[in-house]
N, C-alpha and C. Protein backbone atom coordinates (compact mmCIF):
# COMPACT_ATOMS: atom_id res chain seq x y z
N MET A 1 5.85 -0.47 22.84
CA MET A 1 5.88 -1.39 21.72
C MET A 1 4.52 -2.04 21.58
N ILE A 2 4.01 -2.08 20.36
CA ILE A 2 2.74 -2.72 20.06
C ILE A 2 3.05 -3.97 19.25
N GLY A 3 2.64 -5.12 19.74
CA GLY A 3 2.83 -6.38 19.02
C GLY A 3 1.50 -6.97 18.63
N ILE A 4 1.36 -7.32 17.37
CA ILE A 4 0.11 -7.90 16.88
C ILE A 4 0.43 -9.08 15.97
N ALA A 5 -0.50 -10.00 15.88
CA ALA A 5 -0.34 -11.15 14.98
C ALA A 5 -1.73 -11.67 14.61
N VAL A 6 -1.83 -12.19 13.40
CA VAL A 6 -3.06 -12.85 12.96
C VAL A 6 -2.69 -14.09 12.17
N GLU A 7 -3.61 -15.04 12.16
CA GLU A 7 -3.47 -16.24 11.35
C GLU A 7 -4.74 -16.42 10.54
N VAL A 8 -4.57 -16.95 9.33
CA VAL A 8 -5.72 -17.23 8.49
C VAL A 8 -5.46 -18.52 7.72
N ALA A 9 -6.47 -19.38 7.66
CA ALA A 9 -6.39 -20.61 6.86
C ALA A 9 -6.85 -20.29 5.45
N ILE A 10 -6.11 -20.81 4.48
CA ILE A 10 -6.41 -20.55 3.07
C ILE A 10 -6.49 -21.87 2.33
N THR A 11 -7.52 -22.02 1.53
CA THR A 11 -7.73 -23.25 0.77
C THR A 11 -7.03 -23.15 -0.58
N ARG A 12 -5.72 -23.21 -0.51
CA ARG A 12 -4.84 -23.23 -1.67
C ARG A 12 -3.52 -23.85 -1.23
N PRO A 13 -2.75 -24.42 -2.16
CA PRO A 13 -1.45 -24.97 -1.79
C PRO A 13 -0.52 -23.90 -1.20
N ALA A 14 0.27 -24.31 -0.23
CA ALA A 14 1.18 -23.37 0.44
C ALA A 14 2.10 -22.66 -0.56
N ALA A 15 2.60 -23.36 -1.55
CA ALA A 15 3.51 -22.75 -2.53
C ALA A 15 2.82 -21.62 -3.29
N GLN A 16 1.57 -21.80 -3.64
CA GLN A 16 0.83 -20.77 -4.36
C GLN A 16 0.64 -19.54 -3.47
N VAL A 17 0.31 -19.75 -2.21
CA VAL A 17 0.11 -18.65 -1.28
C VAL A 17 1.45 -17.94 -1.01
N TRP A 18 2.51 -18.72 -0.85
CA TRP A 18 3.83 -18.14 -0.62
C TRP A 18 4.22 -17.21 -1.76
N ASN A 19 3.87 -17.57 -2.99
CA ASN A 19 4.21 -16.72 -4.13
C ASN A 19 3.61 -15.33 -4.01
N VAL A 20 2.47 -15.20 -3.36
CA VAL A 20 1.86 -13.89 -3.15
C VAL A 20 2.44 -13.22 -1.91
N VAL A 21 2.53 -13.95 -0.81
CA VAL A 21 3.03 -13.40 0.46
C VAL A 21 4.46 -12.89 0.32
N ALA A 22 5.28 -13.59 -0.46
CA ALA A 22 6.69 -13.25 -0.60
C ALA A 22 6.97 -12.26 -1.73
N ASP A 23 5.93 -11.80 -2.41
CA ASP A 23 6.09 -10.85 -3.51
C ASP A 23 5.64 -9.47 -3.04
N TYR A 24 6.59 -8.67 -2.55
CA TYR A 24 6.26 -7.35 -2.02
C TYR A 24 5.50 -6.49 -3.02
N ALA A 25 5.76 -6.65 -4.30
CA ALA A 25 5.09 -5.83 -5.31
C ALA A 25 3.58 -6.05 -5.29
N ARG A 26 3.12 -7.18 -4.73
CA ARG A 26 1.68 -7.48 -4.67
C ARG A 26 1.03 -6.97 -3.39
N ASP A 27 1.81 -6.43 -2.45
CA ASP A 27 1.23 -5.95 -1.19
C ASP A 27 0.06 -4.99 -1.38
N PRO A 28 0.10 -4.04 -2.32
CA PRO A 28 -1.06 -3.14 -2.46
C PRO A 28 -2.36 -3.86 -2.81
N GLU A 29 -2.28 -5.09 -3.32
CA GLU A 29 -3.48 -5.85 -3.66
C GLU A 29 -4.21 -6.36 -2.42
N TRP A 30 -3.50 -6.54 -1.30
CA TRP A 30 -4.15 -7.14 -0.14
C TRP A 30 -3.90 -6.41 1.18
N ARG A 31 -2.97 -5.48 1.21
CA ARG A 31 -2.71 -4.73 2.45
C ARG A 31 -3.39 -3.37 2.40
N ARG A 32 -4.36 -3.17 3.27
CA ARG A 32 -5.13 -1.93 3.31
C ARG A 32 -4.21 -0.74 3.58
N GLY A 33 -4.41 0.29 2.82
CA GLY A 33 -3.67 1.53 3.00
C GLY A 33 -2.36 1.59 2.25
N VAL A 34 -1.84 0.46 1.78
CA VAL A 34 -0.59 0.47 1.03
C VAL A 34 -0.91 0.92 -0.40
N THR A 35 -0.41 2.09 -0.76
CA THR A 35 -0.68 2.63 -2.09
C THR A 35 0.41 2.29 -3.08
N ALA A 36 1.63 2.03 -2.58
CA ALA A 36 2.74 1.63 -3.45
C ALA A 36 3.76 0.88 -2.62
N MET A 37 4.33 -0.14 -3.22
CA MET A 37 5.39 -0.91 -2.58
C MET A 37 6.39 -1.27 -3.67
N GLU A 38 7.58 -0.77 -3.53
CA GLU A 38 8.60 -1.01 -4.54
C GLU A 38 9.75 -1.79 -3.93
N PRO A 39 9.81 -3.09 -4.21
CA PRO A 39 10.95 -3.88 -3.74
C PRO A 39 12.15 -3.65 -4.67
N SER A 40 13.35 -3.85 -4.14
CA SER A 40 14.56 -3.69 -4.95
C SER A 40 14.88 -4.95 -5.76
N GLY A 41 14.08 -5.98 -5.59
CA GLY A 41 14.30 -7.22 -6.34
C GLY A 41 13.49 -8.33 -5.71
N PRO A 42 13.76 -9.57 -6.11
CA PRO A 42 13.04 -10.70 -5.52
C PRO A 42 13.38 -10.86 -4.05
N LEU A 43 12.53 -11.54 -3.32
CA LEU A 43 12.71 -11.73 -1.89
C LEU A 43 14.02 -12.46 -1.59
N ALA A 44 14.88 -11.81 -0.84
CA ALA A 44 16.15 -12.37 -0.40
C ALA A 44 16.64 -11.52 0.76
N VAL A 45 17.53 -12.07 1.55
CA VAL A 45 18.13 -11.28 2.62
C VAL A 45 18.77 -10.05 1.99
N GLY A 46 18.44 -8.89 2.53
CA GLY A 46 18.97 -7.64 2.01
C GLY A 46 18.08 -6.92 1.03
N THR A 47 17.01 -7.57 0.53
CA THR A 47 16.07 -6.89 -0.36
C THR A 47 15.52 -5.67 0.39
N THR A 48 15.51 -4.52 -0.27
CA THR A 48 14.98 -3.31 0.34
C THR A 48 13.63 -2.97 -0.27
N THR A 49 12.85 -2.21 0.47
CA THR A 49 11.52 -1.81 0.00
C THR A 49 11.31 -0.33 0.25
N ASP A 50 10.46 0.25 -0.57
CA ASP A 50 10.00 1.63 -0.41
C ASP A 50 8.48 1.55 -0.41
N GLU A 51 7.91 1.72 0.78
CA GLU A 51 6.46 1.57 0.96
C GLU A 51 5.83 2.94 1.18
N ARG A 52 4.71 3.17 0.47
CA ARG A 52 3.90 4.36 0.71
C ARG A 52 2.54 3.88 1.16
N MET A 53 2.05 4.47 2.25
CA MET A 53 0.77 4.02 2.78
C MET A 53 0.05 5.15 3.50
N ARG A 54 -1.24 4.88 3.75
CA ARG A 54 -2.06 5.79 4.55
C ARG A 54 -2.63 4.98 5.70
N PHE A 55 -2.57 5.57 6.90
CA PHE A 55 -3.12 4.92 8.08
C PHE A 55 -3.70 6.02 8.97
N ALA A 56 -4.94 5.84 9.38
CA ALA A 56 -5.62 6.80 10.25
C ALA A 56 -5.56 8.21 9.67
N GLY A 57 -5.73 8.32 8.35
CA GLY A 57 -5.79 9.61 7.70
C GLY A 57 -4.45 10.28 7.47
N LYS A 58 -3.36 9.61 7.77
CA LYS A 58 -2.03 10.21 7.62
C LYS A 58 -1.20 9.41 6.63
N GLY A 59 -0.43 10.10 5.81
CA GLY A 59 0.44 9.43 4.85
C GLY A 59 1.79 9.08 5.47
N TYR A 60 2.32 7.93 5.09
CA TYR A 60 3.62 7.47 5.59
C TYR A 60 4.46 6.96 4.43
N ARG A 61 5.75 7.12 4.56
CA ARG A 61 6.70 6.51 3.62
C ARG A 61 7.74 5.78 4.47
N ASN A 62 7.82 4.49 4.27
CA ASN A 62 8.70 3.65 5.08
C ASN A 62 9.69 2.90 4.19
N GLY A 63 10.95 2.96 4.57
CA GLY A 63 11.95 2.12 3.95
C GLY A 63 12.02 0.83 4.75
N GLY A 64 12.36 -0.27 4.10
CA GLY A 64 12.45 -1.53 4.81
C GLY A 64 13.52 -2.42 4.23
N VAL A 65 13.84 -3.48 4.98
CA VAL A 65 14.82 -4.45 4.52
C VAL A 65 14.41 -5.84 5.01
N VAL A 66 14.62 -6.84 4.17
CA VAL A 66 14.39 -8.22 4.55
C VAL A 66 15.60 -8.68 5.35
N GLU A 67 15.36 -9.18 6.55
CA GLU A 67 16.47 -9.59 7.43
C GLU A 67 16.79 -11.07 7.32
N THR A 68 15.75 -11.92 7.24
CA THR A 68 15.98 -13.36 7.12
C THR A 68 14.96 -13.95 6.16
N VAL A 69 15.35 -15.03 5.52
CA VAL A 69 14.43 -15.81 4.69
C VAL A 69 14.64 -17.27 5.07
N GLY A 70 13.56 -17.95 5.46
CA GLY A 70 13.63 -19.36 5.84
C GLY A 70 14.11 -19.52 7.26
N PRO A 71 14.22 -20.75 7.72
CA PRO A 71 13.95 -21.95 6.93
C PRO A 71 12.47 -22.10 6.66
N GLY A 72 12.17 -22.75 5.55
CA GLY A 72 10.78 -22.89 5.16
C GLY A 72 10.25 -21.58 4.59
N PRO A 73 8.97 -21.56 4.28
CA PRO A 73 8.37 -20.36 3.70
C PRO A 73 8.07 -19.31 4.78
N THR A 74 9.12 -18.61 5.20
CA THR A 74 8.99 -17.54 6.19
C THR A 74 10.06 -16.50 5.94
N PHE A 75 9.77 -15.26 6.27
CA PHE A 75 10.80 -14.22 6.23
C PHE A 75 10.50 -13.17 7.28
N THR A 76 11.56 -12.47 7.68
CA THR A 76 11.41 -11.36 8.63
C THR A 76 11.89 -10.09 7.96
N TRP A 77 11.34 -8.99 8.44
CA TRP A 77 11.64 -7.67 7.88
C TRP A 77 11.70 -6.65 9.01
N ARG A 78 12.27 -5.50 8.71
CA ARG A 78 12.24 -4.36 9.63
C ARG A 78 12.31 -3.09 8.79
N THR A 79 11.80 -2.02 9.37
CA THR A 79 11.89 -0.74 8.68
C THR A 79 13.28 -0.14 8.90
N THR A 80 13.69 0.66 7.94
CA THR A 80 14.96 1.38 8.03
C THR A 80 14.74 2.88 8.06
N SER A 81 13.53 3.29 7.76
CA SER A 81 13.15 4.71 7.84
C SER A 81 11.65 4.79 7.98
N GLY A 82 11.16 5.94 8.43
CA GLY A 82 9.73 6.09 8.64
C GLY A 82 9.33 5.53 9.99
N VAL A 83 8.22 4.84 10.04
CA VAL A 83 7.72 4.23 11.27
C VAL A 83 8.69 3.12 11.71
N THR A 84 8.94 3.01 13.00
CA THR A 84 9.79 1.94 13.52
C THR A 84 8.93 0.68 13.68
N ALA A 85 9.21 -0.32 12.85
CA ALA A 85 8.40 -1.54 12.85
C ALA A 85 9.24 -2.72 12.39
N ALA A 86 8.75 -3.91 12.70
CA ALA A 86 9.38 -5.15 12.26
C ALA A 86 8.30 -6.21 12.17
N GLY A 87 8.60 -7.32 11.51
CA GLY A 87 7.59 -8.36 11.43
C GLY A 87 8.07 -9.62 10.78
N ARG A 88 7.14 -10.53 10.64
CA ARG A 88 7.40 -11.85 10.05
C ARG A 88 6.16 -12.26 9.26
N ARG A 89 6.40 -12.94 8.14
CA ARG A 89 5.33 -13.57 7.36
C ARG A 89 5.69 -15.04 7.22
N THR A 90 4.73 -15.91 7.52
CA THR A 90 4.98 -17.35 7.47
C THR A 90 3.79 -18.04 6.79
N VAL A 91 4.09 -19.03 5.96
CA VAL A 91 3.08 -19.87 5.33
C VAL A 91 3.39 -21.31 5.75
N GLU A 92 2.40 -21.98 6.34
CA GLU A 92 2.57 -23.35 6.82
C GLU A 92 1.58 -24.25 6.10
N ALA A 93 2.09 -25.28 5.43
CA ALA A 93 1.23 -26.25 4.74
C ALA A 93 0.43 -27.04 5.77
N LEU A 94 -0.87 -27.19 5.51
CA LEU A 94 -1.75 -28.01 6.35
C LEU A 94 -2.23 -29.24 5.60
N GLY A 95 -1.82 -29.37 4.39
CA GLY A 95 -2.21 -30.45 3.50
C GLY A 95 -1.85 -30.03 2.09
N PRO A 96 -2.19 -30.84 1.09
CA PRO A 96 -1.79 -30.49 -0.29
C PRO A 96 -2.48 -29.24 -0.83
N ASP A 97 -3.68 -28.94 -0.36
CA ASP A 97 -4.43 -27.80 -0.89
C ASP A 97 -4.90 -26.85 0.19
N ARG A 98 -4.17 -26.81 1.30
CA ARG A 98 -4.60 -25.95 2.41
C ARG A 98 -3.36 -25.51 3.18
N CYS A 99 -3.38 -24.26 3.64
CA CYS A 99 -2.26 -23.75 4.42
C CYS A 99 -2.74 -22.71 5.42
N ARG A 100 -1.83 -22.33 6.30
CA ARG A 100 -2.11 -21.27 7.27
C ARG A 100 -1.05 -20.20 7.09
N VAL A 101 -1.50 -18.95 7.06
CA VAL A 101 -0.60 -17.81 6.98
C VAL A 101 -0.62 -17.10 8.32
N ARG A 102 0.57 -16.77 8.80
CA ARG A 102 0.70 -15.99 10.04
C ARG A 102 1.44 -14.70 9.69
N LEU A 103 0.80 -13.59 10.04
CA LEU A 103 1.38 -12.26 9.84
C LEU A 103 1.63 -11.66 11.22
N GLU A 104 2.87 -11.24 11.47
CA GLU A 104 3.23 -10.66 12.75
C GLU A 104 3.86 -9.29 12.52
N THR A 105 3.53 -8.34 13.38
CA THR A 105 4.09 -7.01 13.28
C THR A 105 4.29 -6.42 14.67
N THR A 106 5.39 -5.73 14.85
CA THR A 106 5.59 -4.91 16.04
C THR A 106 5.84 -3.48 15.57
N VAL A 107 5.25 -2.54 16.27
CA VAL A 107 5.39 -1.13 15.94
C VAL A 107 5.78 -0.38 17.20
N GLU A 108 6.73 0.52 17.06
CA GLU A 108 7.16 1.35 18.18
C GLU A 108 6.63 2.77 17.94
N PRO A 109 5.53 3.14 18.62
CA PRO A 109 5.00 4.50 18.44
C PRO A 109 6.02 5.52 18.94
N SER A 110 6.00 6.69 18.34
CA SER A 110 6.90 7.75 18.77
C SER A 110 6.10 9.01 19.09
N GLY A 111 6.68 9.86 19.88
CA GLY A 111 6.06 11.13 20.21
C GLY A 111 4.68 10.96 20.82
N PHE A 112 3.76 11.79 20.37
CA PHE A 112 2.39 11.80 20.87
C PHE A 112 1.69 10.46 20.68
N GLU A 113 2.09 9.72 19.63
CA GLU A 113 1.45 8.43 19.34
C GLU A 113 1.62 7.44 20.48
N ARG A 114 2.67 7.61 21.30
CA ARG A 114 2.85 6.70 22.45
C ARG A 114 1.67 6.77 23.41
N LEU A 115 1.08 7.95 23.55
CA LEU A 115 -0.08 8.11 24.42
C LEU A 115 -1.30 7.36 23.87
N LEU A 116 -1.32 7.19 22.57
CA LEU A 116 -2.45 6.53 21.92
C LEU A 116 -2.20 5.05 21.64
N ALA A 117 -1.15 4.49 22.22
CA ALA A 117 -0.76 3.11 21.92
C ALA A 117 -1.90 2.10 22.06
N PRO A 118 -2.72 2.15 23.12
CA PRO A 118 -3.80 1.16 23.20
C PRO A 118 -4.80 1.26 22.03
N VAL A 119 -5.13 2.46 21.64
CA VAL A 119 -6.05 2.66 20.52
C VAL A 119 -5.37 2.26 19.21
N LEU A 120 -4.11 2.66 19.04
CA LEU A 120 -3.37 2.29 17.83
C LEU A 120 -3.25 0.77 17.72
N GLY A 121 -3.01 0.11 18.84
CA GLY A 121 -2.91 -1.35 18.83
C GLY A 121 -4.18 -2.00 18.31
N ARG A 122 -5.33 -1.51 18.77
CA ARG A 122 -6.60 -2.08 18.30
C ARG A 122 -6.81 -1.81 16.81
N LEU A 123 -6.47 -0.60 16.37
CA LEU A 123 -6.60 -0.28 14.94
C LEU A 123 -5.67 -1.14 14.09
N LEU A 124 -4.44 -1.29 14.54
CA LEU A 124 -3.48 -2.10 13.80
C LEU A 124 -3.91 -3.56 13.75
N GLN A 125 -4.43 -4.07 14.85
CA GLN A 125 -4.91 -5.46 14.89
C GLN A 125 -6.06 -5.66 13.91
N ARG A 126 -7.00 -4.72 13.90
CA ARG A 126 -8.13 -4.81 12.98
C ARG A 126 -7.65 -4.74 11.53
N ASN A 127 -6.70 -3.83 11.24
CA ASN A 127 -6.18 -3.73 9.88
C ASN A 127 -5.46 -5.00 9.46
N LEU A 128 -4.66 -5.58 10.36
CA LEU A 128 -3.92 -6.79 10.02
C LEU A 128 -4.88 -7.96 9.78
N ALA A 129 -5.92 -8.05 10.58
CA ALA A 129 -6.93 -9.10 10.37
C ALA A 129 -7.62 -8.90 9.01
N GLY A 130 -7.91 -7.66 8.66
CA GLY A 130 -8.49 -7.37 7.34
C GLY A 130 -7.53 -7.72 6.22
N ASP A 131 -6.23 -7.44 6.42
CA ASP A 131 -5.23 -7.79 5.41
C ASP A 131 -5.22 -9.30 5.19
N ALA A 132 -5.25 -10.07 6.27
CA ALA A 132 -5.25 -11.53 6.16
C ALA A 132 -6.48 -12.01 5.40
N ALA A 133 -7.63 -11.43 5.68
CA ALA A 133 -8.86 -11.81 4.99
C ALA A 133 -8.78 -11.45 3.50
N ARG A 134 -8.22 -10.27 3.17
CA ARG A 134 -8.07 -9.89 1.77
C ARG A 134 -7.08 -10.80 1.05
N LEU A 135 -6.02 -11.20 1.75
CA LEU A 135 -5.05 -12.13 1.17
C LEU A 135 -5.75 -13.45 0.84
N ARG A 136 -6.53 -13.97 1.79
CA ARG A 136 -7.26 -15.22 1.55
C ARG A 136 -8.18 -15.08 0.33
N GLU A 137 -8.94 -14.00 0.28
CA GLU A 137 -9.86 -13.78 -0.84
C GLU A 137 -9.10 -13.69 -2.17
N LEU A 138 -7.99 -12.97 -2.18
CA LEU A 138 -7.20 -12.80 -3.40
C LEU A 138 -6.68 -14.14 -3.90
N VAL A 139 -6.11 -14.92 -3.02
CA VAL A 139 -5.49 -16.19 -3.43
C VAL A 139 -6.55 -17.23 -3.79
N GLU A 140 -7.61 -17.31 -3.00
CA GLU A 140 -8.65 -18.30 -3.29
C GLU A 140 -9.43 -17.96 -4.56
N ARG A 141 -9.53 -16.68 -4.87
CA ARG A 141 -10.22 -16.25 -6.10
C ARG A 141 -9.42 -16.67 -7.33
N GLY A 142 -8.09 -16.69 -7.19
CA GLY A 142 -7.22 -17.09 -8.30
C GLY A 142 -7.01 -15.97 -9.29
N PRO A 143 -6.23 -16.29 -10.34
CA PRO A 143 -5.88 -15.25 -11.33
C PRO A 143 -7.08 -14.80 -12.14
């Protein structure tokens, strides 16, 4: 099991940032390698997703489901097909115009990928840190 997490401070109100973090349809705007993300509806327990992405030169298609929402601006998810993964997204207000986002992911490599777990962990950590930076840039830049 590979567990990774990143935090990023963003100079925008938590509610504004939550609107992006909780909108799966916007994932391709800030998550590297995600080429399409189709949620079955607004964020709620049971919302399903169909994600298409590229990682390390390989294409993936992952089904997912939202498992919990709240309390507060946080939700958890897990995959239902494709790569075995789970995670959490949280937005914490630090003041009226500043917040912190925490992105957490666990991935269970399978087959040959288990041998590469240390390398995959570093790649995933770097990608997640880049995602957090792109999220900050997207939200701070505004519409």
